[in-house]
Protein backbone atom coordinates (compact mmCIF):
# COMPACT_ATOMS: atom_id res chain seq x y z
CA MET A 1 0.00 0.00 0.00
CA ARG A 2 1.26 3.47 -0.91
CA GLU A 3 0.74 4.79 2.63
CA LEU A 4 3.15 2.25 4.08
CA ALA A 5 5.74 3.07 1.42
CA ASN A 6 5.44 6.85 1.49
CA LEU A 7 4.64 7.83 5.08
CA ALA A 8 7.08 8.18 7.94
CA PRO A 9 6.84 5.53 10.70
CA TYR A 10 5.14 8.08 12.98
CA GLY A 11 2.53 9.01 10.36
CA SER A 12 -1.04 7.78 10.77
CA LYS A 13 -2.04 5.08 8.31
CA ALA A 14 -5.65 4.74 7.23
CA SER A 15 -5.09 1.00 6.93
CA GLU A 16 -4.29 0.94 10.66
CA SER A 17 -7.20 3.16 11.72
CA ARG A 18 -9.04 2.29 14.91
CA GLY A 19 -12.16 2.33 12.79
CA ARG A 20 -15.63 3.80 12.96
CA SER A 21 -18.36 3.59 15.61
CA PHE A 22 -20.51 1.78 13.05
CA PRO A 23 -18.36 -0.66 11.03
CA GLU A 24 -18.36 -0.22 7.25
CA GLN A 25 -16.84 -2.02 4.32
CA GLU A 26 -13.72 -0.26 3.05
CA HIS A 27 -13.74 1.42 -0.36
CA PRO A 28 -11.56 -0.19 -3.07
CA TYR A 29 -9.99 3.09 -4.18
CA ARG A 30 -10.35 5.65 -1.38
CA THR A 31 -8.84 5.39 2.07
CA ALA A 32 -10.93 5.86 5.20
CA PHE A 33 -9.45 9.34 5.75
CA GLN A 34 -10.24 10.39 2.19
CA ARG A 35 -13.83 9.28 2.69
CA ASP A 36 -13.99 11.26 5.94
CA ARG A 37 -12.79 14.36 4.13
CA ASP A 38 -15.46 13.94 1.46
CA ARG A 39 -18.22 13.37 4.01
CA ILE A 40 -17.26 16.56 5.80
CA ILE A 41 -17.24 18.63 2.59
CA HIS A 42 -20.69 17.35 1.62
CA SER A 43 -22.20 18.03 5.04
CA THR A 44 -24.75 20.77 5.65
CA ALA A 45 -22.69 22.16 8.53
CA PHE A 46 -19.71 22.65 6.21
CA ARG A 47 -21.74 24.70 3.72
CA ARG A 48 -23.21 26.84 6.49
CA MET A 49 -19.74 28.10 7.40
CA GLU A 50 -19.85 30.30 4.30
CA TYR A 51 -22.25 32.58 6.18
CA LYS A 52 -20.69 32.41 9.64
CA THR A 53 -18.49 35.20 10.95
CA GLN A 54 -14.75 34.78 11.30
CA VAL A 55 -13.98 38.29 12.58
CA PHE A 56 -16.03 40.60 10.35
CA LEU A 57 -19.66 40.04 9.42
CA PRO A 58 -19.82 38.48 5.93
CA HIS A 59 -22.25 41.09 4.63
CA GLU A 60 -19.95 43.97 5.65
CA GLY A 61 -17.74 43.24 2.66
CA ASP A 62 -17.44 40.64 -0.06
CA HIS A 63 -13.74 40.02 0.56
CA PHE A 64 -13.55 39.46 4.33
CA ARG A 65 -12.85 35.92 5.52
CA THR A 66 -15.74 33.80 6.65
CA ARG A 67 -15.55 30.69 8.79
CA LEU A 68 -15.49 28.66 5.56
CA THR A 69 -12.63 30.50 3.85
CA HIS A 70 -10.65 30.36 7.09
CA THR A 71 -11.18 26.59 7.17
CA ILE A 72 -9.96 26.23 3.58
CA GLU A 73 -6.80 28.22 4.41
CA VAL A 74 -6.13 26.00 7.43
CA ALA A 75 -6.55 22.89 5.29
CA GLN A 76 -4.12 24.22 2.68
CA ILE A 77 -1.41 24.99 5.24
CA SER A 78 -2.00 21.68 7.04
CA ARG A 79 -1.61 19.65 3.86
CA THR A 80 1.64 21.40 3.00
CA MET A 81 3.15 20.71 6.40
CA ALA A 82 1.91 17.11 6.51
CA ARG A 83 3.43 16.41 3.11
CA CYS A 84 6.79 17.91 4.08
CA LEU A 85 6.96 15.90 7.32
CA ARG A 86 5.77 12.73 5.52
CA VAL A 87 2.65 12.24 7.58
CA ASN A 88 -0.91 11.67 6.34
CA GLU A 89 -2.13 14.61 4.24
CA ASP A 90 -5.65 13.23 4.00
CA LEU A 91 -5.99 12.95 7.76
CA SER A 92 -4.64 16.47 8.32
CA GLU A 93 -7.00 17.83 5.68
CA ALA A 94 -10.02 16.06 7.17
CA ILE A 95 -9.26 17.38 10.67
CA ALA A 96 -8.72 20.88 9.29
CA LEU A 97 -12.02 20.82 7.41
CA VAL A 98 -13.98 19.53 10.42
CA HIS A 99 -12.39 21.54 13.23
CA ASP A 100 -14.78 24.53 13.09
CA LEU A 101 -18.07 22.83 12.16
CA GLY A 102 -19.40 23.50 15.66
CA HIS A 103 -18.81 27.24 15.62
CA THR A 104 -21.77 29.47 16.36
CA PRO A 105 -22.99 32.43 14.32
CA PHE A 106 -21.14 35.69 15.06
CA GLY A 107 -17.78 34.02 15.68
CA HIS A 108 -16.29 33.72 19.15
CA ALA A 109 -18.68 36.39 20.42
CA GLY A 110 -21.57 34.00 19.74
CA GLU A 111 -19.73 31.14 21.42
CA ASP A 112 -19.21 33.23 24.56
CA VAL A 113 -22.94 33.95 24.79
CA LEU A 114 -23.94 30.29 24.50
CA ASP A 115 -21.24 29.38 27.00
CA ASP A 116 -22.88 31.73 29.53
CA LEU A 117 -26.38 30.50 28.77
CA LEU A 118 -25.35 26.86 29.21
CA ALA A 119 -23.37 27.39 32.41
CA GLY A 120 -25.68 25.00 34.23
CA GLN A 121 -25.03 22.34 31.57
CA GLY A 122 -21.25 22.57 31.68
CA GLY A 123 -21.01 25.47 29.23
CA PHE A 124 -20.59 25.52 25.47
CA ASN A 125 -17.39 24.81 23.52
CA HIS A 126 -17.16 24.77 19.73
CA ASN A 127 -14.77 21.78 19.71
CA ASN A 128 -17.24 19.70 21.68
CA GLN A 129 -19.98 20.97 19.39
CA SER A 130 -18.00 19.98 16.29
CA LEU A 131 -17.86 16.42 17.60
CA ARG A 132 -21.57 16.56 18.36
CA VAL A 133 -22.25 17.72 14.79
CA VAL A 134 -20.39 14.81 13.17
CA ASP A 135 -21.54 12.20 15.70
CA LEU A 136 -25.21 13.15 15.98
CA LEU A 137 -26.59 16.26 14.32
CA GLU A 138 -25.68 15.54 10.71
CA GLN A 139 -28.14 12.96 9.45
CA ARG A 140 -27.25 11.70 5.99
CA TYR A 141 -27.40 7.92 6.39
CA PRO A 142 -30.34 5.64 7.19
CA ASP A 143 -28.30 3.19 9.29
CA HIS A 144 -26.70 5.50 11.84
CA PRO A 145 -26.65 9.07 13.15
CA GLY A 146 -23.87 11.46 12.21
CA LEU A 147 -21.16 11.05 9.59
CA ASN A 148 -19.58 7.99 11.23
CA LEU A 149 -16.06 9.40 10.91
CA THR A 150 -12.94 7.48 11.87
CA TYR A 151 -11.57 7.51 15.40
CA GLU A 152 -8.50 9.48 14.28
CA VAL A 153 -10.47 12.40 12.81
CA ARG A 154 -12.76 12.53 15.84
CA GLU A 155 -9.75 12.43 18.17
CA GLY A 156 -8.32 15.38 16.25
CA ILE A 157 -11.43 17.37 17.16
CA VAL A 158 -11.29 16.42 20.84
CA LYS A 159 -7.56 17.02 21.27
CA HIS A 160 -7.56 20.42 19.57
CA GLU A 161 -4.99 22.56 21.44
CA THR A 162 -7.20 25.10 23.22
CA THR A 163 -7.50 26.30 26.80
CA VAL A 164 -10.89 24.59 27.10
CA LYS A 165 -10.46 20.83 26.91
CA VAL A 166 -13.05 18.35 25.70
CA HIS A 167 -13.19 15.24 27.85
CA ARG A 168 -14.47 12.03 26.28
CA PRO A 169 -13.69 8.64 27.88
CA GLU A 170 -12.92 6.97 24.55
CA PHE A 171 -10.02 9.36 23.89
CA ASP A 172 -7.15 8.81 26.32
CA PRO A 173 -6.32 12.24 27.82
CA SER A 174 -2.85 11.05 28.86
CA THR A 175 -1.67 10.69 25.25
CA ARG A 176 -0.92 13.37 22.69
CA SER A 177 -2.81 13.76 19.46
CA SER A 178 -1.40 12.55 16.17
CA LEU A 179 1.15 14.76 14.43
CA GLU A 180 -1.47 15.35 11.73
CA ALA A 181 -3.83 16.86 14.31
CA SER A 182 -1.07 18.93 15.93
CA LEU A 183 -0.19 20.41 12.55
CA VAL A 184 -3.82 21.46 12.11
CA ASP A 185 -3.73 23.25 15.47
CA ILE A 186 -0.72 25.33 14.53
CA ALA A 187 -1.94 25.86 10.94
CA ASP A 188 -5.14 27.25 12.45
CA GLU A 189 -3.10 29.87 14.31
CA ILE A 190 -0.93 30.71 11.31
CA ALA A 191 -4.02 31.20 9.14
CA TYR A 192 -5.98 33.43 11.49
CA ASN A 193 -2.99 35.57 12.45
CA ALA A 194 -2.27 36.25 8.78
CA HIS A 195 -5.80 36.79 7.54
CA ASP A 196 -6.81 38.88 10.54
CA ILE A 197 -3.97 41.25 9.64
CA ASP A 198 -5.18 41.24 6.03
CA ASP A 199 -8.83 41.85 6.91
CA GLY A 200 -7.92 44.33 9.65
CA LEU A 201 -5.90 46.42 7.19
CA ALA A 202 -8.56 46.12 4.49
CA SER A 203 -11.23 47.31 6.93
CA GLY A 204 -9.21 50.30 8.08
CA LEU A 205 -9.20 49.14 11.69
CA LEU A 206 -5.47 48.42 11.48
CA HIS A 207 -2.78 50.57 9.90
CA LEU A 208 0.52 49.60 8.32
CA GLU A 209 2.47 52.09 10.43
CA ASP A 210 1.36 50.21 13.55
CA LEU A 211 2.60 46.92 12.13
CA THR A 212 6.03 48.34 11.30
CA GLN A 213 6.69 48.45 15.05
CA LEU A 214 6.25 44.68 15.38
CA SER A 215 8.97 42.07 15.04
CA ILE A 216 7.11 40.36 12.20
CA TRP A 217 7.74 43.39 10.01
CA SER A 218 11.35 42.24 9.83
CA LEU A 219 10.13 39.15 7.95
CA LEU A 220 8.79 41.39 5.21
CA GLU A 221 11.92 43.52 5.12
CA GLN A 222 14.17 40.46 4.90
CA ALA A 223 12.10 38.93 2.11
CA GLY A 224 11.27 42.09 0.20
CA GLY A 225 14.51 44.02 0.46
CA ARG A 226 14.70 47.15 -1.68
CA SER A 227 11.53 46.25 -3.60
CA LEU A 228 9.43 47.36 -0.62
CA LYS A 229 10.16 50.98 -1.43
CA GLY A 230 8.22 50.77 -4.67
CA MET A 231 5.13 49.09 -3.19
CA ASN A 232 1.86 50.84 -2.40
CA ASP A 233 -0.04 50.05 0.78
CA ARG A 234 -2.15 47.35 -0.87
CA GLU A 235 0.91 45.57 -2.23
CA LEU A 236 2.65 45.85 1.14
CA ARG A 237 -0.38 44.30 2.82
CA PHE A 238 -0.43 41.30 0.49
CA SER A 239 3.33 40.90 0.74
CA LEU A 240 3.26 40.97 4.55
CA VAL A 241 0.54 38.33 4.76
CA ARG A 242 2.23 36.10 2.20
CA HIS A 243 5.63 36.25 3.89
CA LEU A 244 4.14 35.77 7.36
CA VAL A 245 2.41 32.53 6.31
CA ASN A 246 5.53 31.30 4.56
CA ALA A 247 7.95 32.19 7.37
CA ALA A 248 5.75 30.70 10.10
CA THR A 249 5.12 27.51 8.11
CA VAL A 250 8.80 26.98 7.29
CA ASP A 251 9.72 27.66 10.91
CA VAL A 252 7.24 25.04 12.17
CA LEU A 253 8.53 22.49 9.68
CA GLU A 254 12.16 23.02 10.66
CA GLU A 255 11.46 23.10 14.40
CA SER A 256 9.19 20.05 14.23
CA ASP A 257 11.86 18.15 12.33
CA ARG A 258 14.35 19.01 15.08
CA GLN A 259 11.84 17.89 17.71
CA LEU A 260 11.30 14.55 16.00
CA SER A 261 15.03 13.91 16.13
CA ARG A 262 15.62 15.35 19.63
CA LEU A 263 12.76 13.39 21.21
CA GLY A 264 13.68 10.17 19.43
CA ILE A 265 10.32 9.78 17.70
CA THR A 266 10.49 6.54 15.72
CA ASP A 267 6.87 5.47 15.50
CA LEU A 268 3.32 6.51 16.35
CA ALA A 269 3.56 5.11 19.90
CA SER A 270 6.60 7.23 20.76
CA LEU A 271 4.95 10.29 19.22
CA VAL A 272 1.72 10.16 21.25
CA SER A 273 3.69 9.50 24.46
CA ALA A 274 6.24 12.28 23.83
CA PRO A 275 6.91 14.49 26.89
CA GLU A 276 6.33 17.71 24.89
CA ARG A 277 4.78 18.93 21.66
CA VAL A 278 6.45 17.95 18.44
CA ALA A 279 4.77 20.47 16.13
CA ARG A 280 5.75 23.92 17.36
CA TYR A 281 7.48 27.20 16.55
CA SER A 282 11.13 27.90 17.25
CA PRO A 283 11.64 30.15 20.33
CA GLY A 284 12.28 33.18 18.09
CA MET A 285 9.14 32.70 16.00
CA GLU A 286 7.07 31.90 19.08
CA SER A 287 8.08 35.26 20.55
CA MET A 288 7.06 37.07 17.35
CA VAL A 289 3.73 35.24 17.20
CA LYS A 290 2.97 36.06 20.84
CA GLU A 291 3.72 39.75 20.21
CA LEU A 292 1.47 39.69 17.13
CA LYS A 293 -1.41 38.03 18.96
CA ASN A 294 -1.21 40.60 21.76
CA PHE A 295 -1.26 43.36 19.14
CA LEU A 296 -4.31 41.89 17.38
CA ARG A 297 -6.09 41.42 20.69
CA SER A 298 -5.64 45.03 21.74
CA LYS A 299 -5.91 46.79 18.37
CA LEU A 300 -8.40 44.64 16.44
CA TYR A 301 -10.44 42.23 18.52
CA ARG A 302 -11.17 44.88 21.17
CA HIS A 303 -11.86 47.59 18.64
CA GLU A 304 -15.13 49.44 19.27
CA ARG A 305 -16.59 48.20 15.99
CA LEU A 306 -16.01 44.56 16.92
CA VAL A 307 -17.15 45.11 20.50
CA LEU A 308 -20.46 46.28 19.03
CA LEU A 309 -20.61 43.03 17.06
CA GLY A 310 -20.23 41.15 20.34
CA GLU A 311 -23.09 43.11 21.85
CA LYS A 312 -25.24 42.37 18.81
CA ALA A 313 -24.41 38.67 19.06
CA ARG A 314 -25.44 38.63 22.70
CA ARG A 315 -28.71 40.41 21.98
CA VAL A 316 -29.68 38.12 19.09
CA ILE A 317 -28.64 34.82 20.67
CA GLU A 318 -30.12 35.59 24.10
CA THR A 319 -33.40 36.61 22.47
CA LEU A 320 -33.52 33.40 20.46
CA TYR A 321 -32.54 31.22 23.39
CA TRP A 322 -35.12 32.51 25.86
CA ARG A 323 -37.91 32.59 23.28
CA LEU A 324 -37.21 28.98 22.29
CA ASP A 325 -36.94 28.03 25.95
CA LYS A 326 -40.50 29.27 26.47
CA GLN A 327 -41.80 27.96 23.15
CA PRO A 328 -39.74 24.94 22.05
CA GLU A 329 -42.49 24.11 19.58
CA LEU A 330 -41.05 26.90 17.40
CA MET A 331 -38.05 24.73 16.62
CA PRO A 332 -38.05 22.42 13.57
CA GLU A 333 -39.43 18.91 14.02
CA ARG A 334 -35.97 17.37 14.18
CA TYR A 335 -35.08 19.34 17.30
CA ARG A 336 -38.49 18.83 18.89
CA GLU A 337 -37.93 15.10 18.60
CA MET A 338 -34.53 15.45 20.29
CA LEU A 339 -36.26 16.91 23.36
CA LEU A 340 -37.46 13.38 24.15
CA THR A 341 -33.89 12.25 24.85
CA GLU A 342 -31.86 15.44 25.42
CA ASP A 343 -32.04 18.31 27.90
CA LYS A 344 -33.83 21.32 26.48
CA PRO A 345 -30.90 23.79 26.87
CA ILE A 346 -28.64 21.44 24.89
CA VAL A 347 -31.16 21.07 22.07
CA ILE A 348 -31.73 24.83 21.87
CA ALA A 349 -27.96 25.35 21.74
CA ASP A 350 -27.69 22.75 18.94
CA TYR A 351 -30.29 24.66 16.94
CA ILE A 352 -28.76 28.10 17.50
CA ALA A 353 -25.15 26.99 17.00
CA GLY A 354 -26.05 25.58 13.60
CA MET A 355 -27.50 28.86 12.37
CA THR A 356 -25.76 31.20 9.97
CA ASP A 357 -25.44 34.85 10.98
CA ARG A 358 -28.16 36.01 8.64
CA TYR A 359 -30.59 33.23 9.60
CA ALA A 360 -30.13 34.00 13.30
CA GLU A 361 -30.79 37.70 12.68
CA ARG A 362 -33.85 36.98 10.52
CA LEU A 363 -35.36 34.50 12.98
CA CYS A 364 -34.72 36.88 15.87
CA SER A 365 -36.56 39.61 13.99
CA GLU A 366 -39.49 37.29 13.22
CA LEU A 367 -39.82 36.16 16.84
CA THR A 368 -39.78 39.65 18.37
């Protein structure tokens, strides 16, 4: 099999997958991870991401990133890194494409609101919701709920590197995720750092002169040299984003390669039991990324215009939640049926989290 011949010993092989919750016959031409990727792309939740906020509302401009375009960028970076490190591209791509399926309308602002509303139920987390989407909420097969994805893709959702951990007994919390999943985590950060700069500059909320004070500007100067002097602001913006993605990706590849050697990673077992992360930035790049994230947090994410978006998200989602709490019969039949086996707050959150921005706004208007 080509996987065994082409992948490194620590790469995940579809032929060695721990399988699916509902056993299926394997396809003669597509691996299990390729089939997972295709199931995700054809899901309703995947298409809805086109109209879910990343940072800016989709209808504020035709060129701002949405949750879908962000996901595509993460998948592209993940595949590149997986190929270079000789691990499974299909698995990395599938995890990248699935990792944000559980995101709410209005970006992280919407997630924060649902987290508050579900405090009595353990809160709301988009990683946990992504797993719930693929395990239960997507219904495309007559024989089982969900998409019936492989263990390895589902583990990649659960072991996403965030401050809020998802705890599921079937996924051993004492072991690390696959290298494919770890690459998705860091590709996620590379993508949103770069495109938030791009969208922030395009929106006028950020200014190039502010960015020149950051360490990352040196990446552009090193790569562009004298040619920078002839660029206009638009060209500088594109050049900065391009070189940031490239420099961060190359840095992760080189540092991860050093980690594989330093930690003595020889197979998948030694990788998941490693004492520290394998996929990571070098100390110098990590310092630059931290400085950039602090800058984006203070200058962009806390900008008055985006704070107003957060207030709008709270108003819309709280209105929907409490109205549906009083009148659950307003939900579609599918969700009303779920009330027979699930707690009402969870079902309402499932319904709201699956909405696009514009659907949530329209339904809120109709119900008030």
